[in-house]
Amino acid sequence: MEVSRPLDALNKARDKRVIVETKGGKQILGKLKAFDIHINVVLDDAEERANGEVSRKLGTVFIRGDTITIISPAE
């Protein structure tokens, strides 16, 4: 799948593990299940990380797009 638009990159990452960093400095790792044009995302099996270690398990989470600074593949 060719990536020619930002949402194409997210579509390619669907059902894969991603790391989401927020404006507050939090890192959340989980499987990208859904997103919309505002980059609101839903992650399954999510966990919050601090200093590379899992600090808490979150399960399924919704993260508002306006709080996200980075979305990166986890693998």
Protein backbone atom coordinates (compact mmCIF):
# COMPACT_ATOMS: atom_id res chain seq x y z
CA MET A 1 0.00 0.00 0.00
CA GLU A 2 1.45 3.34 -1.08
CA VAL A 3 1.40 6.23 1.38
CA SER A 4 0.55 9.50 -0.35
CA ARG A 5 -1.52 11.20 2.38
CA PRO A 6 -1.16 11.25 6.18
CA LEU A 7 -4.33 9.19 6.69
CA ASP A 8 -2.89 6.54 4.34
CA ALA A 9 -0.06 6.02 6.84
CA LEU A 10 -2.58 5.53 9.65
CA ASN A 11 -4.64 3.17 7.51
CA LYS A 12 -1.51 1.09 6.88
CA ALA A 13 -0.97 0.89 10.65
CA ARG A 14 -4.52 -0.30 11.39
CA ASP A 15 -4.56 -3.51 13.49
CA LYS A 16 -0.85 -3.07 14.24
CA ARG A 17 0.81 -1.95 17.47
CA VAL A 18 1.58 1.76 17.63
CA ILE A 19 3.04 4.16 20.18
CA VAL A 20 1.06 7.35 20.75
CA GLU A 21 2.73 10.29 22.48
CA THR A 22 0.57 13.06 23.89
CA LYS A 23 1.15 16.74 24.59
CA GLY A 24 1.27 15.86 28.28
CA GLY A 25 4.29 13.61 27.63
CA LYS A 26 2.43 10.31 28.10
CA GLN A 27 3.32 7.29 25.95
CA ILE A 28 0.53 4.85 25.20
CA LEU A 29 1.20 1.60 23.36
CA GLY A 30 -1.64 -0.37 21.78
CA LYS A 31 -3.21 -1.86 18.67
CA LEU A 32 -4.68 0.82 16.38
CA LYS A 33 -8.32 -0.12 15.81
CA ALA A 34 -9.90 3.06 14.43
CA PHE A 35 -9.25 6.72 13.63
CA ASP A 36 -11.04 9.64 12.00
CA ILE A 37 -10.09 12.79 10.08
CA HIS A 38 -9.37 14.59 13.36
CA ILE A 39 -6.85 11.84 14.23
CA ASN A 40 -8.98 10.77 17.18
CA VAL A 41 -7.79 7.20 17.70
CA VAL A 42 -9.02 4.03 19.39
CA LEU A 43 -6.40 1.60 20.70
CA ASP A 44 -7.04 -1.95 21.96
CA ASP A 45 -4.88 -3.71 24.56
CA ALA A 46 -3.44 -0.31 25.46
CA GLU A 47 -0.89 0.27 28.17
CA GLU A 48 0.70 3.44 29.46
CA ARG A 49 4.47 3.52 29.56
CA ALA A 50 6.85 5.52 31.72
CA ASN A 51 10.64 5.27 31.34
CA GLY A 52 10.20 2.32 28.96
CA GLU A 53 8.26 0.30 31.56
CA VAL A 54 4.52 -0.47 31.60
CA SER A 55 3.05 1.76 34.32
CA ARG A 56 -0.57 0.63 33.89
CA LYS A 57 -2.81 -1.45 31.66
CA LEU A 58 -5.64 0.53 30.07
CA GLY A 59 -7.50 -1.91 27.80
CA THR A 60 -9.48 -0.12 25.06
CA VAL A 61 -8.91 3.64 24.97
CA PHE A 62 -10.06 6.63 22.93
CA ILE A 63 -7.47 9.39 22.52
CA ARG A 64 -8.49 12.82 21.23
CA GLY A 65 -6.52 13.85 18.18
CA ASP A 66 -5.79 17.34 19.47
CA THR A 67 -3.78 15.83 22.37
CA ILE A 68 -1.55 13.66 20.12
CA THR A 69 1.93 14.79 19.09
CA ILE A 70 3.31 11.53 17.59
CA ILE A 71 1.96 8.21 16.34
CA SER A 72 4.70 5.71 15.53
CA PRO A 73 4.82 1.99 14.63
CA ALA A 74 5.78 -0.04 17.72
CA GLU A 75 7.66 -2.74 15.78
